[in-house]
Amino acid sequence: MEKSDLVVTLPKRIAKENMKKFGIKYSDLPIEGGSFQIHAVRHIRDLASPLHTWLTKILLDLVRVY
């Protein structure tokens, strides 16, 4: 992103924390961004997989932070 002319929508906290690191500019949306829900789905065959259990925990922990 830092060397492109692309636009991305990020949570304010993430954008502000990474402005200097990635040389990005931050500005508020000109419209209300609204809210959304995040759903995680995995196949029943992966319920006993240590890798999928670990990844699910990481994702849930991340979502709880924000």
C-alpha atoms as a PDB file:
ATOM      1  CA  MET A   1       0.000   0.000   0.000  1.00  0.00           C
ATOM      2  CA  GLU A   2       2.695   2.477   0.935  1.00  0.00           C
ATOM      3  CA  LYS A   3       3.996   2.907  -2.616  1.00  0.00           C
ATOM      4  CA  SER A   4       0.636   2.746  -4.359  1.00  0.00           C
ATOM      5  CA  ASP A   5      -2.271   5.040  -5.030  1.00  0.00           C
ATOM      6  CA  LEU A   6      -4.756   2.503  -3.655  1.00  0.00           C
ATOM      7  CA  VAL A   7      -7.295   3.233  -0.935  1.00  0.00           C
ATOM      8  CA  VAL A   8      -8.056   0.902   1.961  1.00  0.00           C
ATOM      9  CA  THR A   9     -10.585   1.018   4.778  1.00  0.00           C
ATOM     10  CA  LEU A  10      -9.141   0.007   8.139  1.00  0.00           C
ATOM     11  CA  PRO A  11     -10.254   0.298  11.730  1.00  0.00           C
ATOM     12  CA  LYS A  12      -9.091   3.667  13.075  1.00  0.00           C
ATOM     13  CA  ARG A  13      -6.894   2.075  15.733  1.00  0.00           C
ATOM     14  CA  ILE A  14      -4.980  -0.041  13.206  1.00  0.00           C
ATOM     15  CA  ALA A  15      -4.561   2.860  10.782  1.00  0.00           C
ATOM     16  CA  LYS A  16      -3.228   5.219  13.439  1.00  0.00           C
ATOM     17  CA  GLU A  17      -0.849   2.620  14.892  1.00  0.00           C
ATOM     18  CA  ASN A  18       0.663   1.950  11.452  1.00  0.00           C
ATOM     19  CA  MET A  19       0.820   5.436   9.914  1.00  0.00           C
ATOM     20  CA  LYS A  20       4.551   5.939  10.408  1.00  0.00           C
ATOM     21  CA  LYS A  21       5.523   2.311   9.868  1.00  0.00           C
ATOM     22  CA  PHE A  22       3.906   2.105   6.427  1.00  0.00           C
ATOM     23  CA  GLY A  23       3.902   5.777   5.414  1.00  0.00           C
ATOM     24  CA  ILE A  24       0.125   5.927   5.120  1.00  0.00           C
ATOM     25  CA  LYS A  25      -2.247   8.843   5.583  1.00  0.00           C
ATOM     26  CA  TYR A  26      -5.284   8.605   7.812  1.00  0.00           C
ATOM     27  CA  SER A  27      -8.591  10.421   7.441  1.00  0.00           C
ATOM     28  CA  ASP A  28     -12.113   9.770   8.646  1.00  0.00           C
ATOM     29  CA  LEU A  29     -14.658   8.352   6.223  1.00  0.00           C
ATOM     30  CA  PRO A  30     -16.934  11.033   4.745  1.00  0.00           C
ATOM     31  CA  ILE A  31     -19.909   8.757   5.519  1.00  0.00           C
ATOM     32  CA  GLU A  32     -20.976   6.566   8.430  1.00  0.00           C
ATOM     33  CA  GLY A  33     -19.116   3.272   8.176  1.00  0.00           C
ATOM     34  CA  GLY A  34     -21.735   1.219   9.952  1.00  0.00           C
ATOM     35  CA  SER A  35     -21.136  -2.005  11.799  1.00  0.00           C
ATOM     36  CA  PHE A  36     -20.670  -5.604  10.786  1.00  0.00           C
ATOM     37  CA  GLN A  37     -20.461  -9.080  12.201  1.00  0.00           C
ATOM     38  CA  ILE A  38     -17.626 -11.524  11.733  1.00  0.00           C
ATOM     39  CA  HIS A  39     -18.376 -15.209  11.331  1.00  0.00           C
ATOM     40  CA  ALA A  40     -15.846 -18.026  11.437  1.00  0.00           C
ATOM     41  CA  VAL A  41     -16.792 -21.387   9.998  1.00  0.00           C
ATOM     42  CA  ARG A  42     -14.762 -24.566   9.825  1.00  0.00           C
ATOM     43  CA  HIS A  43     -15.471 -28.019   8.522  1.00  0.00           C
ATOM     44  CA  ILE A  44     -16.360 -30.749  11.004  1.00  0.00           C
ATOM     45  CA  ARG A  45     -13.317 -32.752   9.882  1.00  0.00           C
ATOM     46  CA  ASP A  46     -11.088 -29.988  11.292  1.00  0.00           C
ATOM     47  CA  LEU A  47     -12.601 -29.963  14.803  1.00  0.00           C
ATOM     48  CA  ALA A  48      -9.860 -32.253  16.142  1.00  0.00           C
ATOM     49  CA  SER A  49      -7.026 -30.576  14.232  1.00  0.00           C
ATOM     50  CA  PRO A  50      -4.516 -28.883  16.576  1.00  0.00           C
ATOM     51  CA  LEU A  51      -3.626 -26.419  13.808  1.00  0.00           C
ATOM     52  CA  HIS A  52      -7.237 -25.340  13.280  1.00  0.00           C
ATOM     53  CA  THR A  53      -7.840 -25.154  17.040  1.00  0.00           C
ATOM     54  CA  TRP A  54      -4.770 -22.928  17.423  1.00  0.00           C
ATOM     55  CA  LEU A  55      -5.766 -20.698  14.508  1.00  0.00           C
ATOM     56  CA  THR A  56      -9.323 -20.347  15.802  1.00  0.00           C
ATOM     57  CA  LYS A  57      -8.006 -19.272  19.219  1.00  0.00           C
ATOM     58  CA  ILE A  58      -5.665 -16.704  17.643  1.00  0.00           C
ATOM     59  CA  LEU A  59      -8.483 -15.240  15.546  1.00  0.00           C
ATOM     60  CA  LEU A  60     -10.907 -15.101  18.474  1.00  0.00           C
ATOM     61  CA  ASP A  61      -8.289 -13.406  20.675  1.00  0.00           C
ATOM     62  CA  LEU A  62      -7.606 -10.871  17.932  1.00  0.00           C
ATOM     63  CA  VAL A  63     -11.269 -10.056  17.433  1.00  0.00           C
ATOM     64  CA  ARG A  64     -11.794  -9.601  21.187  1.00  0.00           C
ATOM     65  CA  VAL A  65      -9.035  -6.957  21.267  1.00  0.00           C
ATOM     66  CA  TYR A  66     -10.836  -4.787  18.711  1.00  0.00           C
END
